[in-house]
N, C-alpha and C. Protein backbone atom coordinates (compact mmCIF):
# COMPACT_ATOMS: atom_id res chain seq x y z
N MET A 1 21.47 64.02 4.82
CA MET A 1 21.67 63.73 3.44
C MET A 1 22.60 63.15 2.91
N ALA A 2 22.48 62.32 1.83
CA ALA A 2 23.15 61.31 1.35
C ALA A 2 24.50 61.34 1.26
N CYS A 3 25.58 60.29 1.74
CA CYS A 3 26.56 60.37 1.38
C CYS A 3 27.16 60.24 -0.13
N ILE A 4 27.65 61.04 -0.96
CA ILE A 4 27.95 60.68 -2.22
C ILE A 4 29.18 60.06 -2.75
N LYS A 5 29.51 59.06 -3.02
CA LYS A 5 30.89 58.30 -3.29
C LYS A 5 31.40 58.49 -4.73
N ALA A 6 30.60 58.90 -5.54
CA ALA A 6 30.88 59.13 -7.20
C ALA A 6 30.18 59.99 -7.86
N LEU A 7 30.70 60.41 -8.94
CA LEU A 7 29.75 61.56 -9.43
C LEU A 7 29.73 61.08 -11.11
N ALA A 8 28.52 61.38 -11.57
CA ALA A 8 28.49 60.91 -13.28
C ALA A 8 28.32 62.42 -13.72
N VAL A 9 29.05 62.84 -14.53
CA VAL A 9 28.99 63.95 -15.35
C VAL A 9 29.04 64.18 -16.75
N ASP A 10 28.05 65.13 -17.14
CA ASP A 10 27.92 65.37 -18.39
C ASP A 10 29.07 66.38 -19.18
N ILE A 11 29.78 66.43 -20.32
CA ILE A 11 30.27 67.26 -20.54
C ILE A 11 29.90 68.60 -21.19
N ASP A 12 29.44 68.51 -22.37
CA ASP A 12 28.87 69.64 -23.28
C ASP A 12 27.90 70.03 -22.63
N GLY A 13 27.80 71.37 -22.55
CA GLY A 13 26.77 72.58 -21.75
C GLY A 13 26.37 71.99 -20.07
N THR A 14 27.56 71.15 -19.49
CA THR A 14 27.43 71.08 -18.25
C THR A 14 28.89 71.67 -17.68
N LEU A 15 30.20 71.08 -18.24
CA LEU A 15 31.21 71.41 -17.88
C LEU A 15 31.60 72.65 -18.81
N SER A 16 30.91 72.80 -20.09
CA SER A 16 31.44 73.76 -21.05
C SER A 16 30.35 74.72 -21.25
N ASP A 17 30.56 75.75 -22.03
CA ASP A 17 29.79 76.81 -22.34
C ASP A 17 28.93 76.34 -23.67
N GLU A 18 27.89 77.09 -24.23
CA GLU A 18 27.32 76.61 -25.46
C GLU A 18 28.31 76.46 -26.55
N ASN A 19 29.59 76.93 -26.45
CA ASN A 19 30.44 76.83 -27.78
C ASN A 19 31.16 75.47 -27.31
N ARG A 20 30.92 74.81 -26.40
CA ARG A 20 31.75 73.66 -25.89
C ARG A 20 33.03 74.01 -25.35
N VAL A 21 33.64 75.33 -24.93
CA VAL A 21 34.69 75.47 -24.57
C VAL A 21 34.37 75.34 -22.70
N LEU A 22 35.34 74.93 -22.33
CA LEU A 22 35.16 74.43 -20.79
C LEU A 22 35.12 75.64 -20.00
N CYS A 23 34.23 75.41 -18.93
CA CYS A 23 34.58 76.60 -17.96
C CYS A 23 35.45 76.66 -16.72
N PRO A 24 36.53 77.64 -16.53
CA PRO A 24 37.30 77.83 -15.65
C PRO A 24 36.83 77.35 -14.27
N ARG A 25 35.75 78.00 -14.02
CA ARG A 25 35.25 77.45 -12.82
C ARG A 25 34.84 76.25 -12.71
N ALA A 26 34.27 75.37 -13.62
CA ALA A 26 33.91 74.00 -13.39
C ALA A 26 35.31 73.38 -13.16
N VAL A 27 36.28 73.35 -14.16
CA VAL A 27 37.38 72.99 -14.23
C VAL A 27 37.85 72.80 -12.34
N GLN A 28 37.82 74.14 -11.97
CA GLN A 28 38.40 73.99 -10.84
C GLN A 28 37.78 73.54 -9.91
N ALA A 29 36.40 73.56 -9.49
CA ALA A 29 35.53 72.67 -8.96
C ALA A 29 35.39 71.05 -9.09
N LEU A 30 35.68 70.63 -10.42
CA LEU A 30 35.88 69.43 -10.42
C LEU A 30 37.53 68.61 -9.96
N ARG A 31 38.09 69.66 -10.43
CA ARG A 31 39.80 69.17 -9.74
C ARG A 31 39.76 69.29 -8.29
N GLY A 32 38.66 69.81 -7.28
CA GLY A 32 38.89 70.13 -6.02
C GLY A 32 38.51 68.97 -5.26
N LEU A 33 37.54 67.56 -6.20
CA LEU A 33 37.04 66.65 -5.85
C LEU A 33 37.76 65.83 -5.34
N ASP A 34 37.18 64.93 -4.01
CA ASP A 34 37.75 63.95 -3.42
C ASP A 34 37.13 62.66 -3.87
N VAL A 35 35.97 62.57 -4.74
CA VAL A 35 35.24 61.43 -5.15
C VAL A 35 35.52 61.01 -6.74
N PRO A 36 35.74 59.94 -6.95
CA PRO A 36 35.58 59.61 -8.42
C PRO A 36 34.54 60.22 -9.34
N VAL A 37 35.17 60.61 -10.63
CA VAL A 37 34.31 61.24 -11.44
C VAL A 37 34.06 60.60 -12.84
N VAL A 38 32.80 60.10 -13.15
CA VAL A 38 32.73 59.30 -14.32
C VAL A 38 32.30 60.34 -15.57
N LEU A 39 32.82 60.53 -16.52
CA LEU A 39 32.31 61.67 -17.77
C LEU A 39 31.35 60.80 -18.12
N SER A 40 30.34 61.32 -18.59
CA SER A 40 29.14 60.77 -19.20
C SER A 40 28.65 61.55 -20.53
N THR A 41 28.95 61.21 -21.65
CA THR A 41 28.40 62.16 -22.80
C THR A 41 28.06 61.30 -24.00
N GLY A 42 27.60 61.96 -24.90
CA GLY A 42 27.43 61.70 -26.51
C GLY A 42 28.63 61.76 -27.31
N ASN A 43 29.74 62.14 -26.68
CA ASN A 43 30.96 62.34 -27.57
C ASN A 43 31.39 61.09 -27.80
N THR A 44 32.33 61.18 -28.71
CA THR A 44 33.11 59.75 -28.66
C THR A 44 33.96 59.61 -27.62
N HIS A 45 34.63 58.12 -27.76
CA HIS A 45 35.64 57.29 -26.95
C HIS A 45 36.87 58.51 -27.05
N CYS A 46 37.12 58.72 -28.13
CA CYS A 46 38.60 59.27 -28.15
C CYS A 46 38.75 60.57 -27.45
N PHE A 47 37.40 61.61 -27.92
CA PHE A 47 37.06 62.79 -27.22
C PHE A 47 37.21 62.72 -25.94
N THR A 48 36.32 61.53 -25.51
CA THR A 48 35.90 61.82 -24.18
C THR A 48 37.22 61.31 -23.16
N ARG A 49 38.30 60.22 -23.96
CA ARG A 49 39.31 60.17 -23.21
C ARG A 49 40.45 61.34 -23.01
N THR A 50 40.48 62.00 -23.99
CA THR A 50 41.39 63.23 -23.99
C THR A 50 40.99 64.25 -23.00
N VAL A 51 39.35 64.63 -23.00
CA VAL A 51 39.16 65.13 -21.85
C VAL A 51 39.37 64.79 -20.43
N SER A 52 39.23 63.23 -20.26
CA SER A 52 39.26 62.76 -19.25
C SER A 52 41.35 62.95 -18.58
N VAL A 53 41.72 62.92 -19.72
CA VAL A 53 43.26 62.80 -19.50
C VAL A 53 43.23 64.51 -18.92
N LEU A 54 42.81 65.50 -19.73
CA LEU A 54 43.47 66.87 -19.36
C LEU A 54 42.76 67.15 -17.76
N LEU A 55 41.36 66.65 -17.46
CA LEU A 55 40.74 67.02 -16.68
C LEU A 55 41.45 66.27 -15.20
N GLY A 56 42.02 65.16 -15.44
CA GLY A 56 42.51 64.34 -14.29
C GLY A 56 41.83 63.46 -13.95
N THR A 57 40.63 62.81 -14.38
CA THR A 57 39.59 61.81 -13.75
C THR A 57 39.61 60.73 -14.41
N PRO A 58 39.33 59.52 -13.82
CA PRO A 58 39.58 58.10 -13.89
C PRO A 58 39.19 57.70 -15.53
N ARG A 59 39.67 57.02 -16.22
CA ARG A 59 39.31 56.14 -17.48
C ARG A 59 37.98 55.72 -17.28
N LEU A 60 37.20 56.34 -16.52
CA LEU A 60 35.68 55.59 -16.21
C LEU A 60 34.65 56.42 -17.22
N LEU A 61 34.65 55.62 -18.28
CA LEU A 61 33.86 56.93 -19.33
C LEU A 61 32.64 56.15 -19.82
N ILE A 62 31.41 57.10 -19.82
CA ILE A 62 30.30 56.63 -20.56
C ILE A 62 30.41 57.32 -21.94
N CYS A 63 30.40 57.22 -23.29
CA CYS A 63 30.38 57.73 -24.41
C CYS A 63 29.31 57.59 -25.42
N GLU A 64 28.97 58.16 -26.25
CA GLU A 64 28.01 58.12 -27.35
C GLU A 64 26.69 57.71 -26.70
N ASN A 65 26.57 58.41 -25.53
CA ASN A 65 25.04 58.19 -24.95
C ASN A 65 24.89 56.85 -24.61
N GLY A 66 26.11 56.04 -23.69
CA GLY A 66 26.02 54.54 -23.29
C GLY A 66 26.26 53.55 -24.16
N GLY A 67 26.47 54.10 -25.30
CA GLY A 67 26.85 52.84 -26.37
C GLY A 67 28.32 52.22 -26.58
N VAL A 68 28.77 53.27 -25.85
CA VAL A 68 30.57 52.69 -25.41
C VAL A 68 30.68 53.25 -24.13
N ILE A 69 31.16 52.36 -23.45
CA ILE A 69 32.09 52.76 -22.07
C ILE A 69 33.33 52.20 -21.87
N SER A 70 34.12 53.12 -20.81
CA SER A 70 35.69 52.64 -20.76
C SER A 70 35.54 52.22 -19.43
N LEU A 71 36.41 51.12 -18.78
CA LEU A 71 36.31 50.66 -17.55
C LEU A 71 37.80 50.88 -16.91
N SER A 72 38.65 50.83 -17.98
CA SER A 72 40.05 51.44 -17.49
C SER A 72 40.88 51.97 -18.65
N GLU A 73 42.19 51.81 -18.32
CA GLU A 73 42.79 52.75 -19.67
C GLU A 73 42.82 51.72 -20.69
N ASP A 74 42.42 50.24 -20.28
CA ASP A 74 42.85 49.44 -21.26
C ASP A 74 41.73 48.60 -21.66
N GLU A 75 40.51 48.84 -21.03
CA GLU A 75 39.24 48.08 -21.27
C GLU A 75 37.90 49.07 -21.86
N MET A 76 37.87 48.70 -22.90
CA MET A 76 36.48 49.40 -23.53
C MET A 76 35.60 48.43 -23.85
N GLU A 77 34.19 48.74 -23.84
CA GLU A 77 33.12 47.87 -24.21
C GLU A 77 32.45 48.70 -25.03
N ILE A 78 31.85 47.97 -26.35
CA ILE A 78 30.76 48.59 -27.02
C ILE A 78 29.52 47.80 -26.65
N LEU A 79 28.45 48.73 -26.45
CA LEU A 79 27.14 48.09 -25.45
C LEU A 79 26.24 47.95 -26.54
N ALA A 80 26.20 48.63 -27.89
CA ALA A 80 25.19 48.97 -28.96
C ALA A 80 25.66 48.59 -30.29
N ASP A 81 24.56 48.20 -30.92
CA ASP A 81 24.85 47.73 -32.43
C ASP A 81 24.71 48.93 -33.57
N ILE A 82 25.56 49.42 -34.07
CA ILE A 82 25.93 50.39 -34.82
C ILE A 82 25.42 50.09 -36.03
N ASN A 83 24.92 48.89 -36.48
CA ASN A 83 24.38 48.57 -37.85
C ASN A 83 22.88 49.11 -37.67
N LEU A 84 22.26 48.98 -36.15
CA LEU A 84 20.79 49.26 -36.36
C LEU A 84 20.56 50.94 -36.79
N CYS A 85 21.92 51.66 -36.54
CA CYS A 85 22.05 52.97 -36.88
C CYS A 85 22.06 53.55 -37.72
N GLU A 86 23.19 52.65 -38.71
CA GLU A 86 23.18 52.66 -40.26
C GLU A 86 22.05 52.47 -41.16
N ASP A 87 21.54 51.30 -40.64
CA ASP A 87 20.06 50.80 -41.37
C ASP A 87 19.08 52.14 -41.36
N ALA A 88 18.87 52.72 -40.16
CA ALA A 88 18.05 53.66 -39.90
C ALA A 88 18.34 54.64 -40.68
N PHE A 89 19.38 55.11 -41.05
CA PHE A 89 19.91 56.33 -41.37
C PHE A 89 19.77 56.05 -42.76
N GLN A 90 20.07 54.97 -43.26
CA GLN A 90 19.68 54.61 -44.91
C GLN A 90 18.39 54.94 -45.16
N LYS A 91 17.34 54.36 -44.29
CA LYS A 91 16.22 54.30 -44.59
C LYS A 91 15.23 55.80 -44.39
N LEU A 92 15.86 56.57 -43.74
CA LEU A 92 15.41 57.91 -43.08
C LEU A 92 15.88 58.97 -44.11
N SER A 93 17.24 58.82 -44.75
CA SER A 93 17.99 59.93 -45.17
C SER A 93 17.44 60.25 -46.77
N GLY A 94 16.31 59.74 -47.24
CA GLY A 94 15.58 59.98 -48.14
C GLY A 94 14.23 60.76 -47.73
N GLU A 95 14.14 60.73 -46.64
CA GLU A 95 12.71 61.52 -46.35
C GLU A 95 13.32 62.73 -45.57
N PHE A 96 14.23 62.56 -44.85
CA PHE A 96 14.72 63.85 -44.25
C PHE A 96 16.03 64.22 -44.14
N ALA A 97 15.93 65.66 -44.27
CA ALA A 97 17.69 66.16 -44.61
C ALA A 97 18.93 65.70 -43.22
N LEU A 98 19.24 64.52 -43.68
CA LEU A 98 20.07 63.92 -42.60
C LEU A 98 21.65 64.16 -42.93
N SER A 99 22.26 64.88 -42.09
CA SER A 99 23.49 65.43 -42.26
C SER A 99 24.54 64.76 -41.18
N ARG A 100 25.57 64.15 -41.47
CA ARG A 100 26.22 62.98 -40.40
C ARG A 100 27.63 64.66 -40.19
N TYR A 101 27.92 64.39 -38.84
CA TYR A 101 28.88 65.27 -38.35
C TYR A 101 30.27 64.66 -38.86
N ASN A 102 31.37 65.14 -38.79
CA ASN A 102 32.67 64.38 -39.44
C ASN A 102 33.49 63.53 -38.18
N SER A 103 32.64 63.58 -37.05
CA SER A 103 33.51 62.52 -36.14
C SER A 103 32.84 61.26 -36.49
N SER A 104 31.91 60.65 -37.57
CA SER A 104 31.35 59.67 -37.64
C SER A 104 32.46 58.52 -37.55
N ARG A 105 33.73 58.92 -38.44
CA ARG A 105 34.78 57.75 -38.35
C ARG A 105 35.58 57.55 -37.14
N TYR A 106 35.05 58.14 -35.82
CA TYR A 106 35.42 57.68 -34.42
C TYR A 106 34.24 57.08 -33.75
N ARG A 107 33.52 56.99 -34.34
CA ARG A 107 31.85 56.20 -33.74
C ARG A 107 32.15 54.78 -33.78
N PHE A 108 31.56 54.33 -32.73
CA PHE A 108 31.51 52.84 -32.69
C PHE A 108 30.21 52.41 -32.40
N SER A 109 29.19 53.11 -31.91
CA SER A 109 27.76 52.51 -31.57
C SER A 109 26.77 53.58 -31.99
N ASP A 110 26.44 54.95 -32.30
CA ASP A 110 25.88 55.44 -32.92
C ASP A 110 26.09 56.56 -34.01
N ILE A 111 25.04 57.23 -34.73
CA ILE A 111 25.60 58.21 -35.62
C ILE A 111 24.89 59.68 -35.25
N ALA A 112 25.98 60.42 -35.22
CA ALA A 112 25.66 61.97 -34.76
C ALA A 112 25.17 62.96 -35.93
N LEU A 113 24.21 63.18 -36.10
CA LEU A 113 23.57 64.38 -37.08
C LEU A 113 23.88 65.62 -36.70
N GLN A 114 23.56 66.40 -37.64
CA GLN A 114 23.58 68.21 -37.44
C GLN A 114 22.08 68.37 -37.22
N ARG A 115 21.98 69.08 -36.43
CA ARG A 115 20.54 69.84 -36.13
C ARG A 115 20.11 70.40 -37.32
N GLY A 116 18.88 70.13 -37.32
CA GLY A 116 17.78 71.44 -38.27
C GLY A 116 16.83 70.39 -39.08
N PHE A 117 16.70 69.26 -38.90
CA PHE A 117 15.72 68.74 -39.40
C PHE A 117 14.45 68.26 -38.23
N ASP A 118 13.36 67.92 -38.61
CA ASP A 118 12.38 67.74 -37.67
C ASP A 118 12.50 66.11 -36.95
N VAL A 119 13.17 66.49 -35.83
CA VAL A 119 13.60 65.22 -35.06
C VAL A 119 12.18 64.53 -34.44
N ALA A 120 11.39 65.02 -33.79
CA ALA A 120 10.09 64.75 -33.96
C ALA A 120 9.45 63.77 -34.92
N ALA A 121 9.32 64.19 -36.20
CA ALA A 121 8.53 63.68 -37.41
C ALA A 121 9.54 62.56 -37.54
N ALA A 122 10.92 62.56 -37.55
CA ALA A 122 11.74 61.52 -37.72
C ALA A 122 11.63 60.26 -36.68
N THR A 123 11.26 60.91 -35.61
CA THR A 123 11.11 59.83 -34.69
C THR A 123 9.89 59.06 -34.72
N ARG A 124 8.77 59.61 -34.92
CA ARG A 124 7.68 58.83 -35.15
C ARG A 124 7.59 57.92 -36.85
N ARG A 125 8.44 58.36 -37.93
CA ARG A 125 8.44 57.68 -38.98
C ARG A 125 9.49 56.40 -38.73
N ALA A 126 10.52 56.40 -37.94
CA ALA A 126 11.25 55.37 -37.42
C ALA A 126 10.40 54.55 -36.64
N GLN A 127 9.45 54.86 -35.70
CA GLN A 127 8.69 53.90 -35.09
C GLN A 127 7.62 53.25 -35.95
N ASP A 128 7.19 54.17 -37.41
CA ASP A 128 6.25 53.37 -38.07
C ASP A 128 6.75 52.28 -38.79
N LEU A 129 8.37 52.77 -39.12
CA LEU A 129 9.02 51.45 -39.91
C LEU A 129 9.34 50.32 -38.80
N GLY A 130 9.36 50.56 -37.53
CA GLY A 130 9.49 49.38 -36.73
C GLY A 130 11.12 49.21 -36.41
N LEU A 131 11.94 50.76 -36.67
CA LEU A 131 13.58 50.52 -36.62
C LEU A 131 13.66 50.41 -34.90
N ALA A 132 14.78 49.75 -34.66
CA ALA A 132 15.16 49.17 -33.17
C ALA A 132 15.94 50.38 -33.05
N VAL A 133 15.78 51.76 -33.26
CA VAL A 133 16.49 52.92 -32.81
C VAL A 133 15.92 54.33 -32.17
N GLU A 134 16.59 55.04 -31.53
CA GLU A 134 15.92 56.22 -31.12
C GLU A 134 16.51 57.59 -31.61
N PHE A 135 15.95 58.77 -31.68
CA PHE A 135 16.63 59.88 -31.98
C PHE A 135 16.68 60.76 -30.29
N ILE A 136 18.23 61.17 -30.25
CA ILE A 136 18.13 61.80 -29.07
C ILE A 136 18.81 63.37 -29.25
N ASP A 137 18.19 64.26 -28.84
CA ASP A 137 18.56 65.83 -29.27
C ASP A 137 19.38 66.33 -27.94
N THR A 138 20.66 66.68 -28.19
CA THR A 138 21.51 66.94 -26.81
C THR A 138 21.57 68.62 -26.91
N SER A 139 21.04 69.22 -27.90
CA SER A 139 21.28 70.72 -28.22
C SER A 139 22.42 70.89 -28.88
N PHE A 140 23.42 69.94 -28.99
CA PHE A 140 24.63 70.06 -29.51
C PHE A 140 24.73 69.30 -30.83
N ALA A 141 23.85 68.52 -31.03
CA ALA A 141 23.71 67.37 -32.05
C ALA A 141 22.56 66.57 -31.66
N VAL A 142 22.31 65.79 -32.89
CA VAL A 142 20.97 64.62 -32.75
C VAL A 142 21.85 63.16 -32.81
N HIS A 143 21.51 62.44 -32.10
CA HIS A 143 22.11 61.12 -32.21
C HIS A 143 21.26 60.15 -32.55
N ILE A 144 21.75 59.20 -33.71
CA ILE A 144 20.88 58.21 -33.90
C ILE A 144 20.99 57.05 -32.85
N LYS A 145 20.74 56.44 -32.32
CA LYS A 145 21.19 55.09 -31.06
C LYS A 145 20.40 54.20 -30.86
N ASP A 146 21.02 53.11 -30.96
CA ASP A 146 20.46 52.02 -30.16
C ASP A 146 19.43 52.15 -29.10
N ARG A 147 18.41 51.95 -29.05
CA ARG A 147 17.36 52.09 -28.10
C ARG A 147 17.48 51.23 -26.84
N ARG A 148 18.03 50.25 -27.07
CA ARG A 148 18.52 49.28 -25.89
C ARG A 148 19.31 49.90 -24.81
N VAL A 149 19.94 50.84 -25.27
CA VAL A 149 21.40 51.44 -24.50
C VAL A 149 21.19 53.02 -24.30
N ASP A 150 21.78 53.31 -22.95
CA ASP A 150 21.39 54.68 -22.87
C ASP A 150 22.68 55.07 -21.64
N LYS A 151 22.37 56.35 -21.20
CA LYS A 151 23.62 56.88 -20.17
C LYS A 151 23.32 55.79 -18.76
N GLY A 152 21.99 55.58 -18.56
CA GLY A 152 21.74 54.74 -17.53
C GLY A 152 22.13 53.40 -17.58
N THR A 153 22.28 52.76 -18.78
CA THR A 153 22.86 51.48 -19.03
C THR A 153 24.16 51.41 -18.64
N GLY A 154 24.98 52.34 -19.45
CA GLY A 154 26.26 52.66 -18.88
C GLY A 154 26.70 53.20 -17.80
N LEU A 155 26.32 53.61 -16.87
CA LEU A 155 26.33 54.03 -15.31
C LEU A 155 26.07 52.93 -14.66
N SER A 156 25.17 51.85 -14.77
CA SER A 156 24.71 50.71 -13.94
C SER A 156 26.09 49.77 -14.54
N ARG A 157 26.44 49.65 -15.41
CA ARG A 157 27.87 48.57 -15.86
C ARG A 157 28.99 49.37 -15.03
N ILE A 158 29.36 50.57 -14.90
CA ILE A 158 30.42 51.08 -14.32
C ILE A 158 30.19 51.03 -12.63
N ALA A 159 29.31 51.39 -12.42
CA ALA A 159 28.91 50.92 -11.07
C ALA A 159 28.73 49.98 -10.35
N GLU A 160 28.73 48.57 -11.55
CA GLU A 160 29.20 47.29 -10.93
C GLU A 160 30.62 47.09 -10.79
N ARG A 161 31.28 47.53 -11.89
CA ARG A 161 32.69 47.29 -11.48
C ARG A 161 33.48 48.15 -10.83
N MET A 162 32.90 49.64 -10.12
CA MET A 162 33.44 50.11 -9.33
C MET A 162 32.83 49.80 -7.88
N LYS A 163 32.08 48.79 -7.70
CA LYS A 163 31.64 48.24 -6.60
C LYS A 163 31.07 49.08 -5.74
N ILE A 164 30.20 50.19 -6.34
CA ILE A 164 29.31 51.38 -5.73
C ILE A 164 28.14 51.35 -6.05
N ASP A 165 27.29 51.52 -5.16
CA ASP A 165 26.02 51.49 -5.37
C ASP A 165 25.23 52.41 -6.21
N LEU A 166 24.31 52.33 -7.30
CA LEU A 166 23.99 53.46 -7.84
C LEU A 166 22.93 54.55 -6.95
N SER A 167 23.05 54.24 -5.76
CA SER A 167 22.26 55.18 -4.79
C SER A 167 23.53 56.17 -3.92
N SER A 168 24.88 55.95 -4.49
CA SER A 168 25.45 56.45 -3.64
C SER A 168 26.47 57.42 -5.18
N PHE A 169 25.53 57.37 -6.07
CA PHE A 169 25.99 58.27 -7.23
C PHE A 169 25.49 59.72 -7.21
N ALA A 170 26.36 60.64 -7.59
CA ALA A 170 25.26 61.80 -7.86
C ALA A 170 25.31 62.42 -9.63
N ALA A 171 24.54 62.40 -10.38
CA ALA A 171 24.49 62.61 -11.62
C ALA A 171 24.26 64.07 -11.77
N ILE A 172 25.26 64.87 -12.69
CA ILE A 172 24.67 66.18 -12.87
C ILE A 172 24.81 66.37 -14.53
N GLY A 173 23.78 66.99 -15.37
CA GLY A 173 23.77 67.14 -16.63
C GLY A 173 22.79 68.13 -16.82
N ASP A 174 22.58 68.40 -18.14
CA ASP A 174 21.79 69.31 -18.78
C ASP A 174 20.59 69.00 -19.88
N SER A 175 20.78 67.67 -20.31
CA SER A 175 19.97 67.27 -21.65
C SER A 175 19.28 66.35 -21.49
N LYS A 176 18.37 65.85 -22.22
CA LYS A 176 17.35 64.50 -22.12
C LYS A 176 17.92 63.30 -22.33
N SER A 177 19.30 63.43 -22.76
CA SER A 177 20.11 62.32 -22.75
C SER A 177 20.41 61.58 -21.25
N ASP A 178 20.40 62.43 -20.65
CA ASP A 178 21.11 62.62 -19.07
C ASP A 178 20.23 62.14 -18.50
N LEU A 179 18.53 62.13 -18.69
CA LEU A 179 17.31 61.35 -17.92
C LEU A 179 17.59 59.69 -17.65
N PRO A 180 18.34 58.99 -18.23
CA PRO A 180 18.31 57.57 -17.58
C PRO A 180 19.14 57.69 -16.36
N MET A 181 20.48 58.42 -16.46
CA MET A 181 21.24 58.47 -15.24
C MET A 181 20.95 58.86 -14.29
N PHE A 182 19.61 60.04 -14.46
CA PHE A 182 19.23 60.73 -13.45
C PHE A 182 18.54 59.90 -12.74
N ARG A 183 17.82 59.10 -13.26
CA ARG A 183 16.38 58.11 -12.84
C ARG A 183 17.29 57.02 -11.75
N LEU A 184 18.64 56.49 -12.48
CA LEU A 184 19.23 55.82 -11.31
C LEU A 184 20.08 56.09 -10.32
N ALA A 185 20.50 57.41 -10.16
CA ALA A 185 21.29 57.76 -9.23
C ALA A 185 20.61 58.38 -8.07
N GLY A 186 21.17 58.25 -6.92
CA GLY A 186 20.50 58.52 -5.53
C GLY A 186 20.82 60.17 -5.57
N TYR A 187 21.13 60.95 -6.46
CA TYR A 187 21.07 62.14 -6.28
C TYR A 187 21.57 62.63 -7.65
N SER A 188 20.82 63.82 -8.20
CA SER A 188 20.58 64.35 -9.27
C SER A 188 20.58 65.81 -9.33
N ALA A 189 21.25 66.58 -9.88
CA ALA A 189 21.16 68.05 -10.13
C ALA A 189 21.30 68.27 -11.71
N SER A 190 20.81 69.42 -12.02
CA SER A 190 21.00 70.24 -13.22
C SER A 190 21.28 71.43 -13.38
N VAL A 191 21.88 71.73 -14.33
CA VAL A 191 22.53 73.20 -14.24
C VAL A 191 21.47 74.20 -14.97
N GLY A 192 21.64 75.69 -14.62
CA GLY A 192 20.54 76.25 -15.22
C GLY A 192 19.79 76.39 -16.40
N ASN A 193 20.74 75.72 -17.60
CA ASN A 193 20.38 75.82 -18.98
C ASN A 193 19.77 74.40 -19.48
N ALA A 194 19.29 73.55 -18.15
CA ALA A 194 18.83 72.15 -18.48
C ALA A 194 17.49 72.12 -19.13
N ARG A 195 17.34 70.90 -19.81
CA ARG A 195 16.24 71.07 -20.41
C ARG A 195 14.85 70.75 -19.31
N PRO A 196 13.82 71.32 -19.25
CA PRO A 196 12.50 71.86 -18.21
C PRO A 196 12.48 69.94 -17.58
N GLU A 197 12.10 68.71 -18.68
CA GLU A 197 12.12 67.69 -18.12
C GLU A 197 12.92 66.84 -17.47
N LEU A 198 14.42 67.42 -17.50
CA LEU A 198 15.52 67.05 -16.47
C LEU A 198 15.37 68.02 -15.13
N LYS A 199 15.19 69.13 -15.07
CA LYS A 199 14.95 69.92 -13.81
C LYS A 199 13.73 69.34 -13.18
N GLU A 200 12.50 69.12 -13.72
CA GLU A 200 11.69 68.23 -12.88
C GLU A 200 11.59 67.39 -12.23
N ILE A 201 13.06 66.57 -12.36
CA ILE A 201 13.14 65.48 -11.43
C ILE A 201 14.73 65.67 -10.70
N SER A 202 15.18 66.89 -11.06
CA SER A 202 16.69 67.03 -10.17
C SER A 202 16.26 67.33 -8.78
N ASP A 203 17.35 66.64 -7.91
CA ASP A 203 17.20 67.20 -6.51
C ASP A 203 17.32 68.63 -6.29
N TYR A 204 18.40 68.85 -7.20
CA TYR A 204 18.73 70.37 -7.21
C TYR A 204 19.28 71.13 -8.32
N VAL A 205 18.88 72.23 -8.56
CA VAL A 205 18.93 72.75 -9.92
C VAL A 205 19.48 74.20 -9.72
N ALA A 206 20.60 74.56 -10.54
CA ALA A 206 21.57 75.44 -10.40
C ALA A 206 21.08 76.79 -10.70
N GLN A 207 21.03 77.73 -10.29
CA GLN A 207 20.48 79.45 -10.72
C GLN A 207 21.58 79.78 -11.94
N ALA A 208 22.84 79.04 -11.98
CA ALA A 208 23.71 79.77 -13.15
C ALA A 208 23.83 78.77 -13.96
N LYS A 209 24.36 78.74 -15.13
CA LYS A 209 24.00 78.01 -16.29
C LYS A 209 25.42 77.58 -16.39
N TYR A 210 25.43 76.64 -17.70
CA TYR A 210 26.53 75.80 -18.08
C TYR A 210 27.72 75.33 -17.13
N GLY A 211 29.04 75.53 -17.43
CA GLY A 211 30.24 75.35 -16.50
C GLY A 211 29.99 75.94 -14.88
N ASN A 212 29.39 77.04 -15.22
CA ASN A 212 29.28 78.07 -13.76
C ASN A 212 28.31 77.35 -12.82
N GLY A 213 27.07 76.66 -13.63
CA GLY A 213 26.18 75.88 -12.66
C GLY A 213 26.60 74.67 -12.00
N PHE A 214 27.60 73.94 -12.86
CA PHE A 214 28.45 72.79 -12.40
C PHE A 214 28.99 73.30 -10.99
N ALA A 215 29.91 74.50 -11.32
CA ALA A 215 30.74 74.93 -9.66
C ALA A 215 29.69 75.07 -8.78
N GLU A 216 28.29 75.35 -9.04
CA GLU A 216 27.35 76.18 -8.23
C GLU A 216 27.01 74.62 -7.50
N ILE A 217 26.76 73.88 -8.31
CA ILE A 217 26.47 72.39 -7.66
C ILE A 217 27.37 71.73 -6.62
N ILE A 218 28.32 71.88 -7.22
CA ILE A 218 29.60 71.29 -6.32
C ILE A 218 29.88 71.98 -5.07
N ASP A 219 29.46 73.29 -5.16
CA ASP A 219 29.66 73.93 -3.96
C ASP A 219 28.52 74.07 -3.01
N HIS A 220 27.07 73.08 -3.40
CA HIS A 220 25.69 73.24 -2.75
C HIS A 220 26.24 71.98 -2.05
N MET A 221 26.78 70.93 -2.89
CA MET A 221 26.93 69.51 -2.31
C MET A 221 27.85 69.60 -0.76
N ILE A 222 28.99 70.55 -1.34
CA ILE A 222 29.96 70.59 -0.08
C ILE A 222 29.31 71.46 1.28
N ARG A 223 28.57 72.15 0.91
CA ARG A 223 28.13 73.16 1.90
C ARG A 223 27.24 71.77 2.85
N GLU A 224 26.35 70.85 1.74
CA GLU A 224 25.47 70.19 2.58
C GLU A 224 26.29 68.88 3.00
N LYS A 225 27.56 69.03 2.91
CA LYS A 225 28.27 67.92 3.35
C LYS A 225 27.70 66.42 2.80
N MET A 226 27.72 66.64 1.42
CA MET A 226 27.38 65.53 0.64
C MET A 226 28.75 64.51 0.12
N ILE A 227 29.56 65.45 -0.20
CA ILE A 227 30.84 65.12 -0.62
C ILE A 227 32.36 65.88 0.18
């Protein structure tokens, strides 16, 4: 079994429950790790940095689904163009009931929308208009994002900085937005509430859901002497 040197871990639905409350078992499992953890999320940079501080993980962060990354406490890179998202929002908001979350003022690269509109139809319309964006439904929000970047591009950049090969990363998550980093990491595991398409490509699927599923995955990796 491969030796894992670092983890890329989603937050909402993976370390937390369906209400975005951190699971005590997940926190305990994460705090006991001897390998660095890269938090990878659709959340804003300021939110993700705060979670990193509270959990005691390095300031190696993938935020806004890869649009923003942090390489250290003092180094943040914006990899996506939010103007593409603003243009798409303006062109599509007349046809679809698009409502922003109030986190917009903290976002640098994408737009987070409240769920409740036809994401598939909006995606088709964006394609018809030739817009350079995609819609990602994370089960907590729908993001309009620059389609040139994702959690995979963010992970590649951070892995390069850490000088750790992608094959030595384990990716853990629950939603469609995690697919790009799952495809790059040497090992992948999904929690019990994960989307079917994520479970299909996972090396391990937890029986437990949400943060308890994360704790189960860590227990499994320790038993298999991967970490």
